[in-house]
Amino acid sequence: MTFSIVARCAETGQFGMAVSSSSPAVAARCAHARAGVGAVSSQNVTDPRLGPQTLDAMARGQSAQDAVASVIAEARYTDYRQVLAVDKSGNTAIHSGAKTLGIHAEATSLNAAAAGNLLANTDIPQAMIDRFHATSGHLGDRLIAAMRAALEAGGEEGPVHSAGLLMVEAQSWPLAEIRCDWTESCPIEAIAEGWAVYQPQMNDYVTRALNPAAAPSYGVPGDE
């Protein structure tokens, strides 16, 4: 009931992930990223603790493969979990437990990994990876392209209702965090619309945090 991609931009060092599910508020449980460290998705009968634990392991210097392996070795009920990770060198790793739901599959490459469960077919993660690498532009554009490729390849067995896009760069807070926690229409197109609005303003919000005197005004009431 979930498919996701974690990725690193080799040019900017940004990390990001995108995820969609038939369940509500999927990004609240599954989306994890840390500047300078990596990105993780913890999904399939989700244990959200696995995301920060994997990021902590990579922050201590472990590769994505070693981090996922060490976290899974210490965790409980790992047969039920899927964990995807990408590290600061672009290494990727995926754990899919024996009790991963329904049709499930995964695909890895340098700088990107994708996986899903309760999928319409096993081709979907590879379609996501292929589209990610074939798309140019900002990391956010590439992640959304990968999610659209998942839908085009068949998506989940049933309709998706929530989605999220999370990216980090140099700061301790997200560069962008866009979520659709529930819709009867397409949540991936909902986050794509939000990204299209947010992207032109994104760096200005970082400037507002770091140096308000240098930040532009957007002309809202009280904003001078």
Protein backbone atom coordinates (compact mmCIF):
# COMPACT_ATOMS: atom_id res chain seq x y z
CA MET A 1 0.00 0.00 0.00
CA THR A 2 3.04 2.25 -0.32
CA PHE A 3 5.71 3.11 -2.86
CA SER A 4 8.60 5.49 -2.34
CA ILE A 5 11.94 6.69 -3.60
CA VAL A 6 14.95 8.05 -1.70
CA ALA A 7 17.60 9.99 -3.59
CA ARG A 8 20.69 12.19 -3.52
CA CYS A 9 21.48 14.99 -5.95
CA ALA A 10 25.11 14.53 -6.96
CA GLU A 11 25.42 18.19 -8.02
CA THR A 12 23.98 19.94 -4.95
CA GLY A 13 24.34 17.37 -2.18
CA GLN A 14 20.62 17.63 -1.47
CA PHE A 15 18.79 14.58 -0.18
CA GLY A 16 15.13 13.86 -0.70
CA MET A 17 12.39 11.31 -0.78
CA ALA A 18 8.88 11.01 -2.09
CA VAL A 19 6.21 8.56 -0.98
CA SER A 20 2.57 7.75 -1.68
CA SER A 21 0.05 5.36 -0.17
CA SER A 22 -3.59 4.36 0.05
CA SER A 23 -3.31 5.12 3.79
CA PRO A 24 -3.73 8.65 5.19
CA ALA A 25 -0.79 10.90 6.10
CA VAL A 26 1.86 8.50 4.82
CA ALA A 27 4.68 11.07 4.91
CA ALA A 28 4.13 11.68 8.62
CA ARG A 29 5.30 8.12 9.31
CA CYS A 30 7.61 7.25 6.42
CA ALA A 31 9.60 10.34 5.35
CA HIS A 32 13.00 10.97 6.92
CA ALA A 33 15.98 13.05 5.73
CA ARG A 34 18.91 14.82 7.34
CA ALA A 35 21.22 17.39 5.75
CA GLY A 36 24.70 16.04 5.08
CA VAL A 37 23.63 12.52 6.07
CA GLY A 38 21.00 10.98 3.80
CA ALA A 39 17.37 10.09 3.30
CA VAL A 40 15.33 7.13 4.51
CA SER A 41 11.87 5.70 4.00
CA SER A 42 10.46 3.34 6.62
CA GLN A 43 7.27 1.72 5.33
CA ASN A 44 5.04 -1.42 5.22
CA VAL A 45 3.40 -1.86 8.64
CA THR A 46 5.51 1.17 9.43
CA ASP A 47 7.81 1.63 12.40
CA PRO A 48 8.73 5.34 12.13
CA ARG A 49 11.58 4.86 14.61
CA LEU A 50 13.61 3.04 11.97
CA GLY A 51 14.05 6.22 9.92
CA PRO A 52 15.86 8.31 12.55
CA GLN A 53 17.80 5.25 13.71
CA THR A 54 19.11 4.65 10.19
CA LEU A 55 20.01 8.33 9.81
CA ASP A 56 21.83 8.22 13.15
CA ALA A 57 23.84 5.21 11.98
CA MET A 58 24.80 6.95 8.74
CA ALA A 59 25.71 10.11 10.69
CA ARG A 60 28.15 7.96 12.67
CA GLY A 61 29.86 7.06 9.38
CA GLN A 62 28.13 3.86 8.34
CA SER A 63 27.24 3.35 4.70
CA ALA A 64 23.61 3.00 3.73
CA GLN A 65 24.06 -0.77 3.50
CA ASP A 66 25.70 -1.07 6.92
CA ALA A 67 23.26 1.35 8.53
CA VAL A 68 20.18 -0.52 7.33
CA ALA A 69 21.72 -3.85 8.30
CA SER A 70 22.66 -2.69 11.80
CA VAL A 71 19.28 -1.11 12.48
CA ILE A 72 17.40 -4.16 11.23
CA ALA A 73 19.63 -6.43 13.34
CA GLU A 74 18.61 -4.56 16.50
CA ALA A 75 14.93 -3.93 15.72
CA ARG A 76 11.89 -6.12 16.39
CA TYR A 77 9.31 -7.38 13.89
CA THR A 78 11.61 -6.67 10.98
CA ASP A 79 9.83 -9.25 8.81
CA TYR A 80 7.05 -6.66 8.52
CA ARG A 81 9.24 -3.71 7.53
CA GLN A 82 10.61 -2.11 4.39
CA VAL A 83 13.47 0.38 4.84
CA LEU A 84 15.14 2.33 2.01
CA ALA A 85 18.24 4.48 2.51
CA VAL A 86 20.68 6.63 0.55
CA ASP A 87 23.87 8.00 2.11
CA LYS A 88 26.18 10.98 1.50
CA SER A 89 28.20 9.04 -1.10
CA GLY A 90 25.11 7.99 -3.03
CA ASN A 91 25.23 4.40 -1.78
CA THR A 92 21.78 2.85 -1.44
CA ALA A 93 20.25 -0.05 0.46
CA ILE A 94 16.84 -1.65 0.94
CA HIS A 95 15.46 -4.14 3.45
CA SER A 96 12.20 -5.87 2.57
CA GLY A 97 11.07 -8.29 5.26
CA ALA A 98 9.57 -11.69 4.54
CA LYS A 99 6.11 -10.43 5.55
CA THR A 100 6.13 -7.39 3.26
CA LEU A 101 2.57 -7.03 2.01
CA GLY A 102 1.29 -8.30 -1.31
CA ILE A 103 3.24 -7.83 -4.51
CA HIS A 104 6.43 -6.07 -3.47
CA ALA A 105 9.61 -5.12 -5.28
CA GLU A 106 12.66 -2.91 -5.03
CA ALA A 107 15.30 -1.32 -7.23
CA THR A 108 18.60 0.36 -6.39
CA SER A 109 21.16 2.48 -8.20
CA LEU A 110 23.82 5.00 -7.37
CA ASN A 111 22.04 7.97 -5.75
CA ALA A 112 18.51 6.50 -5.80
CA ALA A 113 16.51 3.55 -4.46
CA ALA A 114 12.82 2.73 -4.78
CA ALA A 115 10.54 0.10 -3.30
CA GLY A 116 6.90 -0.64 -2.70
CA ASN A 117 4.37 -3.09 -1.34
CA LEU A 118 0.86 -4.08 -2.40
CA LEU A 119 1.90 -3.02 -5.88
CA ALA A 120 0.08 -3.64 -9.12
CA ASN A 121 3.23 -5.34 -10.48
CA THR A 122 6.92 -5.82 -9.76
CA ASP A 123 8.13 -3.41 -12.47
CA ILE A 124 7.20 -0.24 -10.59
CA PRO A 125 10.36 0.46 -8.52
CA GLN A 126 12.61 0.08 -11.56
CA ALA A 127 10.33 2.38 -13.55
CA MET A 128 10.76 4.96 -10.78
CA ILE A 129 14.56 4.67 -10.82
CA ASP A 130 14.69 4.86 -14.61
CA ARG A 131 12.53 7.99 -14.70
CA PHE A 132 14.47 9.64 -11.90
CA HIS A 133 17.76 9.26 -13.77
CA ALA A 134 16.22 10.25 -17.11
CA THR A 135 14.80 13.50 -15.73
CA SER A 136 16.79 16.73 -15.48
CA GLY A 137 16.26 19.71 -13.22
CA HIS A 138 15.86 20.15 -9.49
CA LEU A 139 15.84 17.12 -7.21
CA GLY A 140 12.18 17.87 -6.44
CA ASP A 141 11.29 17.71 -10.13
CA ARG A 142 13.07 14.38 -10.46
CA LEU A 143 11.36 12.88 -7.43
CA ILE A 144 7.92 13.89 -8.66
CA ALA A 145 8.74 12.50 -12.09
CA ALA A 146 9.60 9.18 -10.45
CA MET A 147 6.30 9.13 -8.59
CA ARG A 148 4.39 9.82 -11.78
CA ALA A 149 6.28 6.96 -13.41
CA ALA A 150 5.07 4.67 -10.63
CA LEU A 151 1.48 5.56 -11.39
CA GLU A 152 2.01 5.11 -15.12
CA ALA A 153 3.49 1.66 -14.47
CA GLY A 154 0.43 0.60 -12.47
CA GLY A 155 0.88 2.05 -8.98
CA GLU A 156 -0.72 0.27 -6.07
CA GLU A 157 -3.34 -2.42 -6.27
CA GLY A 158 -5.86 0.24 -5.21
CA PRO A 159 -6.03 4.05 -5.39
CA VAL A 160 -3.51 6.19 -3.51
CA HIS A 161 -4.83 8.86 -1.15
CA SER A 162 -1.78 10.54 0.43
CA ALA A 163 1.71 11.56 -0.64
CA GLY A 164 4.69 13.56 0.51
CA LEU A 165 7.86 15.20 -0.77
CA LEU A 166 10.73 15.91 1.65
CA MET A 167 14.10 17.49 0.83
CA VAL A 168 17.05 18.78 2.86
CA GLU A 169 20.15 20.71 1.88
CA ALA A 170 22.47 22.63 4.22
CA GLN A 171 20.21 23.50 7.14
CA SER A 172 18.83 21.41 10.00
CA TRP A 173 15.27 22.01 8.82
CA PRO A 174 13.71 20.81 5.55
CA LEU A 175 14.42 22.71 2.38
CA ALA A 176 10.94 21.62 1.31
CA GLU A 177 8.30 19.48 2.95
CA ILE A 178 5.09 19.19 0.98
CA ARG A 179 2.32 16.81 1.98
CA CYS A 180 -1.14 15.78 0.92
CA ASP A 181 -2.50 13.80 3.85
CA TRP A 182 -5.76 12.74 2.19
CA THR A 183 -7.56 13.26 -1.09
CA GLU A 184 -10.01 11.32 -3.21
CA SER A 185 -8.19 12.60 -6.30
CA CYS A 186 -4.47 12.16 -7.02
CA PRO A 187 -2.20 13.03 -4.06
CA ILE A 188 0.90 12.94 -6.27
CA GLU A 189 -0.51 15.66 -8.48
CA ALA A 190 -1.44 17.57 -5.32
CA ILE A 191 2.16 17.62 -4.09
CA ALA A 192 3.34 18.41 -7.61
CA GLU A 193 1.09 21.48 -7.57
CA GLY A 194 2.41 22.49 -4.16
CA TRP A 195 5.99 22.05 -5.34
CA ALA A 196 5.37 24.22 -8.40
CA VAL A 197 4.17 27.03 -6.13
CA TYR A 198 6.86 26.59 -3.48
CA GLN A 199 9.98 26.06 -5.57
CA PRO A 200 10.35 29.68 -6.82
CA GLN A 201 10.13 30.93 -3.21
CA MET A 202 12.07 28.11 -1.53
CA ASN A 203 15.49 29.73 -1.20
CA ASP A 204 13.97 33.02 -0.07
CA TYR A 205 12.49 31.25 2.96
CA VAL A 206 15.97 30.00 3.85
CA THR A 207 17.23 33.59 3.56
CA ARG A 208 14.40 34.75 5.83
CA ALA A 209 15.62 32.33 8.47
CA LEU A 210 19.33 33.12 8.17
CA ASN A 211 19.24 36.86 7.39
CA PRO A 212 15.78 38.47 7.48
CA ALA A 213 17.18 41.85 6.42
CA ALA A 214 18.19 40.37 3.07
CA ALA A 215 14.94 38.50 2.44
CA PRO A 216 12.42 39.71 -0.13
CA SER A 217 8.89 40.76 0.75
CA TYR A 218 5.90 38.88 -0.62
CA GLY A 219 3.44 41.69 -0.05
CA VAL A 220 1.21 39.89 2.45
CA PRO A 221 -0.46 41.98 5.21
CA GLY A 222 2.15 43.04 7.72
CA ASP A 223 5.01 41.97 5.45
CA GLU A 224 6.97 45.10 4.62
